[in-house]
Amino acid sequence: MSAFGLEITPRPDLPAIVARWQREITAPELQAGYFAILEAADALGCWRWLLDLRRRDELATPELTVWMNAEFFPQLPGRYPEPVRLAFLVSPLRALQQQSASSVAAISAAARPDHGYLTALFTEEAAAYQWLGG
């Protein structure tokens, strides 16, 4: 499935949903993309997600952080038998750059298993898959 600059690939062998942004995107495309990931995950009953952000810029804005925390993440608790595991895959350079409070790094540091999700930031895909399986 490909829309919103996003390619979503089910990986039943892992099991996981792999979502790769293929280009720069707008904030509305980001939001639509997250809902498309949720729809794909619901169809498979899959709570392990690899989100590959290496081909798009950071869309860190306070508004998007509020949207993630107020609109998206609240939909996750109790949706699946386990908390959703979101592995954010970024380039090594991006991982080293100074991050704002609304960046992916900040969001990934705010894992909330009691709220239905766990997050982590990775620069290597193999490590992300290993964490997803944990």
C-alpha atoms as a PDB file:
ATOM      1  CA  MET A   1       0.000   0.000   0.000  1.00  0.00           C
ATOM      2  CA  SER A   2       1.405   3.415  -0.939  1.00  0.00           C
ATOM      3  CA  ALA A   3      -0.167   6.809  -0.241  1.00  0.00           C
ATOM      4  CA  PHE A   4       0.728  10.010   1.592  1.00  0.00           C
ATOM      5  CA  GLY A   5       4.356   9.490   0.543  1.00  0.00           C
ATOM      6  CA  LEU A   6       4.235   6.326   2.623  1.00  0.00           C
ATOM      7  CA  GLU A   7       4.736   2.672   1.740  1.00  0.00           C
ATOM      8  CA  ILE A   8       3.181   0.232   4.218  1.00  0.00           C
ATOM      9  CA  THR A   9       4.330  -3.380   4.062  1.00  0.00           C
ATOM     10  CA  PRO A  10       2.982  -6.152   6.277  1.00  0.00           C
ATOM     11  CA  ARG A  11       5.744  -8.483   7.468  1.00  0.00           C
ATOM     12  CA  PRO A  12       3.946 -11.528   8.897  1.00  0.00           C
ATOM     13  CA  ASP A  13       7.312 -13.293   9.241  1.00  0.00           C
ATOM     14  CA  LEU A  14       8.388 -10.832  11.973  1.00  0.00           C
ATOM     15  CA  PRO A  15       5.395 -10.146  12.637  1.00  0.00           C
ATOM     16  CA  ALA A  16       5.376  -6.385  12.068  1.00  0.00           C
ATOM     17  CA  ILE A  17       4.066  -3.540   9.955  1.00  0.00           C
ATOM     18  CA  VAL A  18       6.869  -1.708   8.139  1.00  0.00           C
ATOM     19  CA  ALA A  19       6.014   1.865   7.143  1.00  0.00           C
ATOM     20  CA  ARG A  20       8.556   3.774   5.050  1.00  0.00           C
ATOM     21  CA  TRP A  21       8.132   7.402   4.104  1.00  0.00           C
ATOM     22  CA  GLN A  22       9.413   7.752   0.534  1.00  0.00           C
ATOM     23  CA  ARG A  23       9.599  11.537   0.233  1.00  0.00           C
ATOM     24  CA  GLU A  24       9.175  14.818   2.052  1.00  0.00           C
ATOM     25  CA  ILE A  25       5.637  15.161   3.361  1.00  0.00           C
ATOM     26  CA  THR A  26       3.299  17.767   4.785  1.00  0.00           C
ATOM     27  CA  ALA A  27       1.809  17.708   8.270  1.00  0.00           C
ATOM     28  CA  PRO A  28      -1.613  16.564   6.930  1.00  0.00           C
ATOM     29  CA  GLU A  29       0.116  13.748   5.006  1.00  0.00           C
ATOM     30  CA  LEU A  30       1.916  12.718   8.191  1.00  0.00           C
ATOM     31  CA  GLN A  31      -1.359  12.544  10.085  1.00  0.00           C
ATOM     32  CA  ALA A  32      -3.085  10.622   7.279  1.00  0.00           C
ATOM     33  CA  GLY A  33      -0.085   8.296   7.121  1.00  0.00           C
ATOM     34  CA  TYR A  34      -0.308   7.450  10.806  1.00  0.00           C
ATOM     35  CA  PHE A  35      -3.992   6.626  10.419  1.00  0.00           C
ATOM     36  CA  ALA A  36      -3.159   4.448   7.383  1.00  0.00           C
ATOM     37  CA  ILE A  37      -0.600   2.580   9.515  1.00  0.00           C
ATOM     38  CA  LEU A  38      -3.231   2.106  12.209  1.00  0.00           C
ATOM     39  CA  GLU A  39      -5.704   0.773   9.635  1.00  0.00           C
ATOM     40  CA  ALA A  40      -3.135  -1.704   8.265  1.00  0.00           C
ATOM     41  CA  ALA A  41      -2.212  -2.795  11.776  1.00  0.00           C
ATOM     42  CA  ASP A  42      -5.874  -3.303  12.670  1.00  0.00           C
ATOM     43  CA  ALA A  43      -6.405  -5.458   9.581  1.00  0.00           C
ATOM     44  CA  LEU A  44      -3.573  -7.747  10.717  1.00  0.00           C
ATOM     45  CA  GLY A  45      -3.985  -7.400  14.469  1.00  0.00           C
ATOM     46  CA  CYS A  46      -0.336  -6.318  14.568  1.00  0.00           C
ATOM     47  CA  TRP A  47       1.049  -4.194  17.395  1.00  0.00           C
ATOM     48  CA  ARG A  48       4.695  -4.107  16.187  1.00  0.00           C
ATOM     49  CA  TRP A  49       5.479  -1.188  13.882  1.00  0.00           C
ATOM     50  CA  LEU A  50       8.739  -0.140  12.234  1.00  0.00           C
ATOM     51  CA  LEU A  51       8.482   3.491  11.101  1.00  0.00           C
ATOM     52  CA  ASP A  52      11.305   4.340   8.692  1.00  0.00           C
ATOM     53  CA  LEU A  53      11.861   8.106   8.720  1.00  0.00           C
ATOM     54  CA  ARG A  54      15.182   8.166   6.888  1.00  0.00           C
ATOM     55  CA  ARG A  55      13.824   9.686   3.649  1.00  0.00           C
ATOM     56  CA  ARG A  56      11.855  12.536   5.144  1.00  0.00           C
ATOM     57  CA  ASP A  57      12.764  15.586   7.172  1.00  0.00           C
ATOM     58  CA  GLU A  58      11.852  15.984  10.797  1.00  0.00           C
ATOM     59  CA  LEU A  59       8.377  17.467  11.052  1.00  0.00           C
ATOM     60  CA  ALA A  60       8.864  18.583  14.624  1.00  0.00           C
ATOM     61  CA  THR A  61       6.312  21.182  15.571  1.00  0.00           C
ATOM     62  CA  PRO A  62       4.510  21.717  18.847  1.00  0.00           C
ATOM     63  CA  GLU A  63       1.214  21.302  16.962  1.00  0.00           C
ATOM     64  CA  LEU A  64       2.139  17.847  15.660  1.00  0.00           C
ATOM     65  CA  THR A  65       3.336  16.792  19.106  1.00  0.00           C
ATOM     66  CA  VAL A  66      -0.004  17.865  20.564  1.00  0.00           C
ATOM     67  CA  TRP A  67      -1.791  15.960  17.784  1.00  0.00           C
ATOM     68  CA  MET A  68       0.246  12.792  18.458  1.00  0.00           C
ATOM     69  CA  ASN A  69      -0.374  12.981  22.208  1.00  0.00           C
ATOM     70  CA  ALA A  70      -4.008  14.113  22.091  1.00  0.00           C
ATOM     71  CA  GLU A  71      -5.369  12.461  18.938  1.00  0.00           C
ATOM     72  CA  PHE A  72      -3.233   9.526  17.845  1.00  0.00           C
ATOM     73  CA  PHE A  73      -1.656   7.866  20.886  1.00  0.00           C
ATOM     74  CA  PRO A  74      -4.940   7.825  22.883  1.00  0.00           C
ATOM     75  CA  GLN A  75      -6.357   5.440  20.260  1.00  0.00           C
ATOM     76  CA  LEU A  76      -3.774   2.757  21.082  1.00  0.00           C
ATOM     77  CA  PRO A  77      -4.545   1.502  24.630  1.00  0.00           C
ATOM     78  CA  GLY A  78      -6.450  -1.779  24.629  1.00  0.00           C
ATOM     79  CA  ARG A  79      -6.565  -1.941  20.842  1.00  0.00           C
ATOM     80  CA  TYR A  80      -4.309  -5.018  20.665  1.00  0.00           C
ATOM     81  CA  PRO A  81      -3.415  -7.817  23.100  1.00  0.00           C
ATOM     82  CA  GLU A  82      -0.061  -6.102  23.812  1.00  0.00           C
ATOM     83  CA  PRO A  83       1.068  -2.453  23.925  1.00  0.00           C
ATOM     84  CA  VAL A  84       1.957  -1.102  20.473  1.00  0.00           C
ATOM     85  CA  ARG A  85       5.727  -1.125  19.890  1.00  0.00           C
ATOM     86  CA  LEU A  86       6.839   1.748  17.623  1.00  0.00           C
ATOM     87  CA  ALA A  87      10.429   1.533  16.401  1.00  0.00           C
ATOM     88  CA  PHE A  88      11.483   4.818  14.769  1.00  0.00           C
ATOM     89  CA  LEU A  89      14.309   4.278  12.261  1.00  0.00           C
ATOM     90  CA  VAL A  90      16.396   7.389  11.516  1.00  0.00           C
ATOM     91  CA  SER A  91      19.753   8.119   9.895  1.00  0.00           C
ATOM     92  CA  PRO A  92      22.815   8.192  12.178  1.00  0.00           C
ATOM     93  CA  LEU A  93      23.316  11.892  11.395  1.00  0.00           C
ATOM     94  CA  ARG A  94      19.756  12.724  12.364  1.00  0.00           C
ATOM     95  CA  ALA A  95      20.123  10.746  15.573  1.00  0.00           C
ATOM     96  CA  LEU A  96      23.158  12.879  16.497  1.00  0.00           C
ATOM     97  CA  GLN A  97      21.550  16.226  15.730  1.00  0.00           C
ATOM     98  CA  GLN A  98      20.163  18.349  18.517  1.00  0.00           C
ATOM     99  CA  GLN A  99      16.539  17.394  18.979  1.00  0.00           C
ATOM    100  CA  SER A 100      13.672  19.640  20.002  1.00  0.00           C
ATOM    101  CA  ALA A 101      11.044  18.725  22.566  1.00  0.00           C
ATOM    102  CA  SER A 102       8.656  17.892  19.720  1.00  0.00           C
ATOM    103  CA  SER A 103      11.061  15.732  17.719  1.00  0.00           C
ATOM    104  CA  VAL A 104      10.854  12.010  17.038  1.00  0.00           C
ATOM    105  CA  ALA A 105      13.666  11.540  19.559  1.00  0.00           C
ATOM    106  CA  ALA A 106      11.632  13.243  22.266  1.00  0.00           C
ATOM    107  CA  ILE A 107       8.511  11.293  21.346  1.00  0.00           C
ATOM    108  CA  SER A 108      10.452   8.028  21.335  1.00  0.00           C
ATOM    109  CA  ALA A 109      11.872   8.808  24.770  1.00  0.00           C
ATOM    110  CA  ALA A 110       8.349   9.228  26.109  1.00  0.00           C
ATOM    111  CA  ALA A 111       7.295   5.569  25.853  1.00  0.00           C
ATOM    112  CA  ARG A 112       4.197   4.957  27.916  1.00  0.00           C
ATOM    113  CA  PRO A 113       3.404   1.256  28.298  1.00  0.00           C
ATOM    114  CA  ASP A 114       0.635   2.159  30.756  1.00  0.00           C
ATOM    115  CA  HIS A 115      -0.917   4.227  27.940  1.00  0.00           C
ATOM    116  CA  GLY A 116      -0.780   1.399  25.401  1.00  0.00           C
ATOM    117  CA  TYR A 117       2.507   1.969  23.593  1.00  0.00           C
ATOM    118  CA  LEU A 118       6.285   1.678  23.752  1.00  0.00           C
ATOM    119  CA  THR A 119       8.650   3.657  21.532  1.00  0.00           C
ATOM    120  CA  ALA A 120      12.347   3.534  20.705  1.00  0.00           C
ATOM    121  CA  LEU A 121      14.731   5.262  18.291  1.00  0.00           C
ATOM    122  CA  PHE A 122      17.111   3.251  16.068  1.00  0.00           C
ATOM    123  CA  THR A 123      19.760   3.884  13.423  1.00  0.00           C
ATOM    124  CA  GLU A 124      20.044   0.219  12.410  1.00  0.00           C
ATOM    125  CA  GLU A 125      17.135  -1.746  11.008  1.00  0.00           C
ATOM    126  CA  ALA A 126      18.282  -5.079  12.475  1.00  0.00           C
ATOM    127  CA  ALA A 127      18.333  -3.607  15.986  1.00  0.00           C
ATOM    128  CA  ALA A 128      14.846  -2.204  15.459  1.00  0.00           C
ATOM    129  CA  TYR A 129      13.526  -5.610  14.394  1.00  0.00           C
ATOM    130  CA  GLN A 130      15.163  -7.231  17.406  1.00  0.00           C
ATOM    131  CA  TRP A 131      13.518  -4.723  19.749  1.00  0.00           C
ATOM    132  CA  LEU A 132      10.146  -5.180  18.057  1.00  0.00           C
ATOM    133  CA  GLY A 133      10.344  -8.899  18.752  1.00  0.00           C
ATOM    134  CA  GLY A 134      11.013  -8.288  22.459  1.00  0.00           C
END
